[in-house]
PDB file of N, CA and C in Angstrom:
ATOM      1  N   ILE A   1      -2.607   6.090   2.154  1.00  0.00           N
ATOM      2  CA  ILE A   1      -3.227   6.082   0.622  1.00  0.00           C
ATOM      3  C   ILE A   1      -4.281   7.104   1.235  1.00  0.00           C
ATOM      4  N   GLY A   2      -4.516   8.437  -0.077  1.00  0.00           N
ATOM      5  CA  GLY A   2      -5.312   8.539   0.001  1.00  0.00           C
ATOM      6  C   GLY A   2      -6.739   8.169  -0.795  1.00  0.00           C
ATOM      7  N   PRO A   3      -7.640   9.187  -1.070  1.00  0.00           N
ATOM      8  CA  PRO A   3      -8.805   9.023  -1.751  1.00  0.00           C
ATOM      9  C   PRO A   3      -8.460   8.727  -3.501  1.00  0.00           C
ATOM     10  N   VAL A   4      -7.819   9.297  -3.745  1.00  0.00           N
ATOM     11  CA  VAL A   4      -7.739   9.175  -5.270  1.00  0.00           C
ATOM     12  C   VAL A   4      -6.686   7.974  -5.786  1.00  0.00           C
ATOM     13  N   LEU A   5      -5.392   7.706  -4.978  1.00  0.00           N
ATOM     14  CA  LEU A   5      -4.832   6.331  -4.712  1.00  0.00           C
ATOM     15  C   LEU A   5      -5.807   5.136  -4.576  1.00  0.00           C
ATOM     16  N   GLU A   6      -6.601   5.205  -3.489  1.00  0.00           N
ATOM     17  CA  GLU A   6      -7.489   4.053  -3.207  1.00  0.00           C
ATOM     18  C   GLU A   6      -8.190   3.930  -4.588  1.00  0.00           C
ATOM     19  N   LYS A   7      -8.920   4.499  -4.936  1.00  0.00           N
ATOM     20  CA  LYS A   7      -9.733   4.830  -6.088  1.00  0.00           C
ATOM     21  C   LYS A   7      -9.382   3.975  -7.626  1.00  0.00           C
ATOM     22  N   THR A   8      -7.815   4.816  -7.612  1.00  0.00           N
ATOM     23  CA  THR A   8      -6.628   4.102  -8.506  1.00  0.00           C
ATOM     24  C   THR A   8      -6.506   2.375  -8.074  1.00  0.00           C
ATOM     25  N   LEU A   9      -6.097   2.069  -7.164  1.00  0.00           N
ATOM     26  CA  LEU A   9      -5.896   0.500  -6.589  1.00  0.00           C
ATOM     27  C   LEU A   9      -7.118   0.190  -7.002  1.00  0.00           C
ATOM     28  N   ASN A  10      -8.547   0.363  -6.505  1.00  0.00           N
ATOM     29  CA  ASN A  10      -9.289  -0.481  -6.554  1.00  0.00           C
ATOM     30  C   ASN A  10      -9.916  -0.675  -8.072  1.00  0.00           C
ATOM     31  N   ALA A  11      -9.541   0.343  -9.106  1.00  0.00           N
ATOM     32  CA  ALA A  11     -10.076   0.110 -10.179  1.00  0.00           C
ATOM     33  C   ALA A  11      -9.096  -0.764 -11.078  1.00  0.00           C
ATOM     34  N   VAL A  12      -7.698  -1.301 -10.450  1.00  0.00           N
ATOM     35  CA  VAL A  12      -7.171  -2.332 -11.047  1.00  0.00           C
ATOM     36  C   VAL A  12      -7.062  -3.779 -10.140  1.00  0.00           C
ATOM     37  N   GLY A  13      -8.232  -3.591  -9.153  1.00  0.00           N
ATOM     38  CA  GLY A  13      -8.660  -4.767  -8.610  1.00  0.00           C
ATOM     39  C   GLY A  13      -7.768  -4.887  -6.885  1.00  0.00           C
ATOM     40  N   ILE A  14      -7.343  -3.714  -6.845  1.00  0.00           N
ATOM     41  CA  ILE A  14      -6.909  -4.366  -5.091  1.00  0.00           C
ATOM     42  C   ILE A  14      -7.651  -3.270  -3.889  1.00  0.00           C
ATOM     43  N   THR A  15      -8.177  -4.170  -3.323  1.00  0.00           N
ATOM     44  CA  THR A  15      -9.232  -3.323  -2.446  1.00  0.00           C
ATOM     45  C   THR A  15      -8.613  -3.505  -0.975  1.00  0.00           C
ATOM     46  N   THR A  16      -7.747  -4.492  -0.699  1.00  0.00           N
ATOM     47  CA  THR A  16      -7.291  -4.960   0.407  1.00  0.00           C
ATOM     48  C   THR A  16      -6.057  -4.365   0.847  1.00  0.00           C
ATOM     49  N   TRP A  17      -5.397  -4.331   2.399  1.00  0.00           N
ATOM     50  CA  TRP A  17      -4.034  -4.148   2.589  1.00  0.00           C
ATOM     51  C   TRP A  17      -3.159  -5.237   2.174  1.00  0.00           C
ATOM     52  N   ALA A  18      -3.580  -6.615   2.280  1.00  0.00           N
ATOM     53  CA  ALA A  18      -3.147  -7.829   1.974  1.00  0.00           C
ATOM     54  C   ALA A  18      -2.878  -7.857   0.622  1.00  0.00           C
ATOM     55  N   GLN A  19      -3.407  -7.559  -0.125  1.00  0.00           N
ATOM     56  CA  GLN A  19      -3.080  -7.329  -1.860  1.00  0.00           C
ATOM     57  C   GLN A  19      -2.193  -6.312  -1.951  1.00  0.00           C
ATOM     58  N   VAL A  20      -2.001  -5.170  -1.583  1.00  0.00           N
ATOM     59  CA  VAL A  20      -1.173  -4.434  -1.237  1.00  0.00           C
ATOM     60  C   VAL A  20       0.334  -4.712  -0.472  1.00  0.00           C
ATOM     61  N   ALA A  21       0.168  -5.812   0.624  1.00  0.00           N
ATOM     62  CA  ALA A  21       1.673  -6.301   0.964  1.00  0.00           C
ATOM     63  C   ALA A  21       2.017  -7.555   0.059  1.00  0.00           C
ATOM     64  N   LYS A  22       1.405  -7.761  -0.775  1.00  0.00           N
ATOM     65  CA  LYS A  22       1.410  -8.844  -1.490  1.00  0.00           C
ATOM     66  C   LYS A  22       1.721  -8.601  -2.950  1.00  0.00           C
ATOM     67  N   LEU A  23       1.912  -7.318  -3.139  1.00  0.00           N
ATOM     68  CA  LEU A  23       2.382  -7.043  -4.457  1.00  0.00           C
ATOM     69  C   LEU A  23       3.921  -7.425  -5.272  1.00  0.00           C
ATOM     70  N   THR A  24       3.688  -7.758  -6.742  1.00  0.00           N
ATOM     71  CA  THR A  24       4.795  -8.172  -6.839  1.00  0.00           C
ATOM     72  C   THR A  24       5.518  -7.184  -7.740  1.00  0.00           C
ATOM     73  N   PRO A  25       6.736  -7.656  -8.317  1.00  0.00           N
ATOM     74  CA  PRO A  25       7.140  -6.134  -8.750  1.00  0.00           C
ATOM     75  C   PRO A  25       6.304  -5.742 -10.362  1.00  0.00           C
ATOM     76  N   ALA A  26       5.648  -6.706 -10.996  1.00  0.00           N
ATOM     77  CA  ALA A  26       5.120  -6.743 -12.307  1.00  0.00           C
ATOM     78  C   ALA A  26       4.040  -5.770 -11.640  1.00  0.00           C
ATOM     79  N   GLN A  27       3.360  -6.140 -10.874  1.00  0.00           N
ATOM     80  CA  GLN A  27       1.901  -5.421 -10.347  1.00  0.00           C
ATOM     81  C   GLN A  27       2.798  -4.184 -10.066  1.00  0.00           C
ATOM     82  N   ILE A  28       3.417  -3.793  -9.255  1.00  0.00           N
ATOM     83  CA  ILE A  28       3.968  -2.394  -8.714  1.00  0.00           C
ATOM     84  C   ILE A  28       4.215  -1.973  -9.853  1.00  0.00           C
ATOM     85  N   ALA A  29       4.763  -2.040 -10.471  1.00  0.00           N
ATOM     86  CA  ALA A  29       5.316  -1.371 -12.188  1.00  0.00           C
ATOM     87  C   ALA A  29       3.803  -0.900 -12.943  1.00  0.00           C
ATOM     88  N   ASP A  30       2.917  -1.833 -12.830  1.00  0.00           N
ATOM     89  CA  ASP A  30       1.699  -1.571 -13.378  1.00  0.00           C
ATOM     90  C   ASP A  30       0.839  -0.349 -12.500  1.00  0.00           C
ATOM     91  N   VAL A  31       0.830  -0.993 -10.958  1.00  0.00           N
ATOM     92  CA  VAL A  31       0.200   0.321 -10.281  1.00  0.00           C
ATOM     93  C   VAL A  31       1.101   1.626 -10.578  1.00  0.00           C
ATOM     94  N   GLU A  32       2.235   1.524 -10.328  1.00  0.00           N
ATOM     95  CA  GLU A  32       2.936   3.117 -10.680  1.00  0.00           C
ATOM     96  C   GLU A  32       2.637   3.730 -11.980  1.00  0.00           C
ATOM     97  N   GLY A  33       2.647   2.648 -12.801  1.00  0.00           N
ATOM     98  CA  GLY A  33       2.176   3.336 -14.110  1.00  0.00           C
ATOM     99  C   GLY A  33       0.806   4.165 -14.296  1.00  0.00           C
ATOM    100  N   GLU A  34      -0.322   3.613 -13.494  1.00  0.00           N
ATOM    101  CA  GLU A  34      -1.405   4.201 -13.221  1.00  0.00           C
ATOM    102  C   GLU A  34      -1.506   5.036 -12.362  1.00  0.00           C
ATOM    103  N   VAL A  35      -0.619   5.494 -11.361  1.00  0.00           N
ATOM    104  CA  VAL A  35      -0.793   6.489 -10.331  1.00  0.00           C
ATOM    105  C   VAL A  35       0.275   7.870 -11.309  1.00  0.00           C
ATOM    106  N   GLY A  36       1.267   7.220 -11.711  1.00  0.00           N
ATOM    107  CA  GLY A  36       1.933   8.107 -12.233  1.00  0.00           C
ATOM    108  C   GLY A  36       3.121   8.570 -11.436  1.00  0.00           C
ATOM    109  N   PHE A  37       3.479   7.858 -10.625  1.00  0.00           N
ATOM    110  CA  PHE A  37       4.809   8.038  -9.744  1.00  0.00           C
ATOM    111  C   PHE A  37       5.727   7.192  -9.441  1.00  0.00           C
ATOM    112  N   LYS A  38       6.667   6.697 -10.364  1.00  0.00           N
ATOM    113  CA  LYS A  38       7.561   5.725 -10.455  1.00  0.00           C
ATOM    114  C   LYS A  38       8.191   5.967  -9.313  1.00  0.00           C
ATOM    115  N   GLY A  39       8.431   4.740  -8.869  1.00  0.00           N
ATOM    116  CA  GLY A  39       8.970   4.519  -7.303  1.00  0.00           C
ATOM    117  C   GLY A  39       8.588   5.040  -5.753  1.00  0.00           C
ATOM    118  N   ARG A  40       6.896   5.540  -6.292  1.00  0.00           N
ATOM    119  CA  ARG A  40       6.651   5.693  -4.895  1.00  0.00           C
ATOM    120  C   ARG A  40       6.520   4.787  -4.136  1.00  0.00           C
ATOM    121  N   ILE A  41       5.367   3.636  -4.576  1.00  0.00           N
ATOM    122  CA  ILE A  41       5.448   2.400  -3.556  1.00  0.00           C
ATOM    123  C   ILE A  41       6.746   2.006  -2.510  1.00  0.00           C
ATOM    124  N   GLU A  42       7.792   2.014  -3.471  1.00  0.00           N
ATOM    125  CA  GLU A  42       8.861   1.626  -2.410  1.00  0.00           C
ATOM    126  C   GLU A  42       9.309   2.834  -1.769  1.00  0.00           C
ATOM    127  N   ARG A  43       9.449   3.900  -2.246  1.00  0.00           N
ATOM    128  CA  ARG A  43      10.143   5.222  -1.276  1.00  0.00           C
ATOM    129  C   ARG A  43       9.314   5.134  -0.294  1.00  0.00           C
ATOM    130  N   ASP A  44       7.640   5.161  -0.286  1.00  0.00           N
ATOM    131  CA  ASP A  44       6.782   5.249   1.047  1.00  0.00           C
ATOM    132  C   ASP A  44       6.690   4.121   1.592  1.00  0.00           C
ATOM    133  N   ASN A  45       7.306   2.841   1.218  1.00  0.00           N
ATOM    134  CA  ASN A  45       7.519   1.732   1.722  1.00  0.00           C
ATOM    135  C   ASN A  45       5.850   1.124   2.149  1.00  0.00           C
ATOM    136  N   TRP A  46       4.899   1.344   1.014  1.00  0.00           N
ATOM    137  CA  TRP A  46       3.929   0.649   1.146  1.00  0.00           C
ATOM    138  C   TRP A  46       3.494  -0.694   1.343  1.00  0.00           C
ATOM    139  N   LEU A  47       4.679  -1.641   0.928  1.00  0.00           N
ATOM    140  CA  LEU A  47       4.461  -2.807   1.420  1.00  0.00           C
ATOM    141  C   LEU A  47       4.443  -3.488   2.844  1.00  0.00           C
ATOM    142  N   LYS A  48       5.624  -2.860   3.393  1.00  0.00           N
ATOM    143  CA  LYS A  48       5.811  -3.202   4.934  1.00  0.00           C
ATOM    144  C   LYS A  48       4.398  -2.449   5.664  1.00  0.00           C
ATOM    145  N   GLN A  49       4.054  -1.172   5.505  1.00  0.00           N
ATOM    146  CA  GLN A  49       3.389  -0.611   5.878  1.00  0.00           C
ATOM    147  C   GLN A  49       1.710  -1.542   5.650  1.00  0.00           C
ATOM    148  N   ALA A  50       1.330  -1.809   4.425  1.00  0.00           N
ATOM    149  CA  ALA A  50       0.406  -2.807   4.174  1.00  0.00           C
ATOM    150  C   ALA A  50       0.362  -4.004   4.947  1.00  0.00           C
ATOM    151  N   ASP A  51       1.295  -4.266   4.860  1.00  0.00           N
ATOM    152  CA  ASP A  51       1.693  -5.746   5.938  1.00  0.00           C
ATOM    153  C   ASP A  51       1.266  -5.874   7.347  1.00  0.00           C
ATOM    154  N   ALA A  52       1.723  -4.626   7.929  1.00  0.00           N
ATOM    155  CA  ALA A  52       1.175  -4.482   9.181  1.00  0.00           C
ATOM    156  C   ALA A  52      -0.084  -4.178   9.190  1.00  0.00           C
ATOM    157  N   LEU A  53      -0.730  -3.373   8.721  1.00  0.00           N
ATOM    158  CA  LEU A  53      -1.983  -2.852   8.695  1.00  0.00           C
ATOM    159  C   LEU A  53      -2.903  -4.276   8.559  1.00  0.00           C
ATOM    160  N   ALA A  54      -2.754  -5.145   7.286  1.00  0.00           N
ATOM    161  CA  ALA A  54      -3.258  -6.255   7.224  1.00  0.00           C
ATOM    162  C   ALA A  54      -3.277  -7.598   8.230  1.00  0.00           C
ATOM    163  N   ARG A  55      -2.126  -7.472   9.203  1.00  0.00           N
ATOM    164  CA  ARG A  55      -1.962  -8.483   9.777  1.00  0.00           C
ATOM    165  C   ARG A  55      -2.634  -8.090  11.222  1.00  0.00           C
ATOM    166  N   GLY A  56      -2.719  -6.613  11.692  1.00  0.00           N
ATOM    167  CA  GLY A  56      -3.429  -6.405  12.948  1.00  0.00           C
ATOM    168  C   GLY A  56      -3.736  -4.865  12.808  1.00  0.00           C
ATOM    169  N   GLY A  57      -3.571  -4.684  12.108  1.00  0.00           N
ATOM    170  CA  GLY A  57      -4.573  -2.835  11.689  1.00  0.00           C
ATOM    171  C   GLY A  57      -3.971  -2.054  12.578  1.00  0.00           C
ATOM    172  N   VAL A  58      -4.513  -1.046  12.716  1.00  0.00           N
ATOM    173  CA  VAL A  58      -3.596  -0.033  13.309  1.00  0.00           C
ATOM    174  C   VAL A  58      -2.966  -0.284  14.669  1.00  0.00           C
ATOM    175  N   ASP A  59      -3.324  -0.941  15.619  1.00  0.00           N
ATOM    176  CA  ASP A  59      -2.524  -1.572  16.673  1.00  0.00           C
ATOM    177  C   ASP A  59      -1.229  -2.313  16.282  1.00  0.00           C
ATOM    178  N   GLU A  60      -1.167  -2.939  15.029  1.00  0.00           N
ATOM    179  CA  GLU A  60      -0.308  -3.517  14.642  1.00  0.00           C
ATOM    180  C   GLU A  60       0.767  -2.448  13.647  1.00  0.00           C
ATOM    181  N   TYR A  61       0.369  -1.262  13.075  1.00  0.00           N
ATOM    182  CA  TYR A  61       0.986  -0.521  12.240  1.00  0.00           C
ATOM    183  C   TYR A  61       1.329   0.014  13.341  1.00  0.00           C
ATOM    184  N   VAL A  62       1.409   0.643  14.643  1.00  0.00           N
ATOM    185  CA  VAL A  62       1.536   1.503  15.425  1.00  0.00           C
ATOM    186  C   VAL A  62       2.875   0.679  16.262  1.00  0.00           C
ATOM    187  N   ARG A  63       2.499  -0.772  16.416  1.00  0.00           N
ATOM    188  CA  ARG A  63       3.550  -1.310  17.229  1.00  0.00           C
ATOM    189  C   ARG A  63       4.788  -1.428  16.280  1.00  0.00           C
ATOM    190  N   VAL A  64       4.611  -1.476  14.802  1.00  0.00           N
ATOM    191  CA  VAL A  64       5.760  -1.749  14.071  1.00  0.00           C
ATOM    192  C   VAL A  64       6.346  -0.086  13.655  1.00  0.00           C
ATOM    193  N   PHE A  65       5.776   0.714  13.698  1.00  0.00           N
ATOM    194  CA  PHE A  65       6.164   2.174  12.840  1.00  0.00           C
ATOM    195  C   PHE A  65       6.325   3.133  14.168  1.00  0.00           C
ATOM    196  N   GLY A  66       5.739   3.084  15.100  1.00  0.00           N
ATOM    197  CA  GLY A  66       5.633   3.813  16.263  1.00  0.00           C
ATOM    198  C   GLY A  66       4.595   5.412  16.049  1.00  0.00           C
ATOM    199  N   LYS A  67       4.064   4.977  15.472  1.00  0.00           N
ATOM    200  CA  LYS A  67       3.223   5.886  15.406  1.00  0.00           C
ATOM    201  C   LYS A  67       1.806   5.325  14.137  1.00  0.00           C
ATOM    202  N   LYS A  68       0.660   6.210  14.382  1.00  0.00           N
ATOM    203  CA  LYS A  68      -0.488   5.925  13.806  1.00  0.00           C
ATOM    204  C   LYS A  68      -0.298   5.999  12.100  1.00  0.00           C
ATOM    205  N   PRO A  69      -1.161   5.459  11.334  1.00  0.00           N
ATOM    206  CA  PRO A  69      -1.133   5.739   9.867  1.00  0.00           C
ATOM    207  C   PRO A  69      -1.801   7.094   9.741  1.00  0.00           C
ATOM    208  N   LYS A  70      -1.458   7.654   8.421  1.00  0.00           N
ATOM    209  CA  LYS A  70      -1.936   8.945   8.013  1.00  0.00           C
ATOM    210  C   LYS A  70      -2.856   8.405   7.511  1.00  0.00           C
TER     211      LYS A  70
END
């Protein structure tokens, strides 16, 4: 998530990876409406990536995805 998306998420009250990992379908629709990229959260696998980061930071992300997060 780059600085623009981070700012958008922060504006709607999402400030942690744990919050991203637990987004409901309704919240996803709201966020995607703000971002302007319908389907991006699912396409880019945000929930799984955020869950790994929330559980164990970069080390867990690398364990799950085999590479460092961008």
